[in-house]
Amino acid sequence: MIRRAPSLRLGCAALVVACNAPAAGEPAVARPPDPSPSAPPCDPAPDGALALLSDETCPWVLVADGAGALTLRSLAPDAQALPVAAPEDCRPCRYSGAITAAGPLLVATRPSPAGELADAAWLGATSAGAATVAFAPLWHGQPDLGDRTPQGPAFALAPRLCGRTLVLWPTARLPGVRGEEPPAALVRLAGAYAVRDGELARADAPVPADISTCATPALELP
């Protein structure tokens, strides 16, 4: 009776392992990570919401109660909410907005009684230490006319985000004034803004010398 040498068995086993090993340069198959617990679902948007602001997690909605008071609240389970001090002469108004690094921003637009165009616009914001969304006007001065229809001022204040600092800066609205200088009165209103005493007003904060280094938030400005 012929016995096979143990070395032969070892050689065959090594051969099987070698055949099943990944080829040189072939990436190894990684084991998928354990599934992480899913985030709690967002609350549904209520009927009659005046605006929906997208966020990386759950959106925010602008809602009005029976007395017309406005609240901006998150649809996340923690239900964070901010009262909104809407401009007194902005009724009725259309609202839109976005969640930014400086917090939520709201644009309030008052439609013109003469047509579909706006005849006034405001920006609403909050700031550190402020528990209310307050507004500042974006339009100043006399409106321009196009086809005998008021189109709003040629220049207006527009929001910029310099880090977490909100800046309102003179910007051309109408294409016919590109390259012109904004009115001096509007330039004097430019600068950093924050909520103080329930109002969105000029703040004592530096503004970059080159405003183009600041980000432009994705807002629907009239």
Foldseek 3Di string as FASTA:
>chain_A
DDDDDPVVVVVVVVVVVVVPDDDPPDDDDDDDDDDDDDFDDFADDDPPFLEWADDPHFIWTWDADPVGWIKIWTRHPVTDIATEDDDPPQPPWHWYWYQDLLGTKIKTFRADPVDRATAWIWIWGAHPPDRHTAIDTFADDDFDDDPNHGRGHQWTWAWWAPRNWIWTAIDGDDPVQPPHDDDPVRRVQTATWHADPRHTGHDPDDADPDSVVTHHDPDDDD
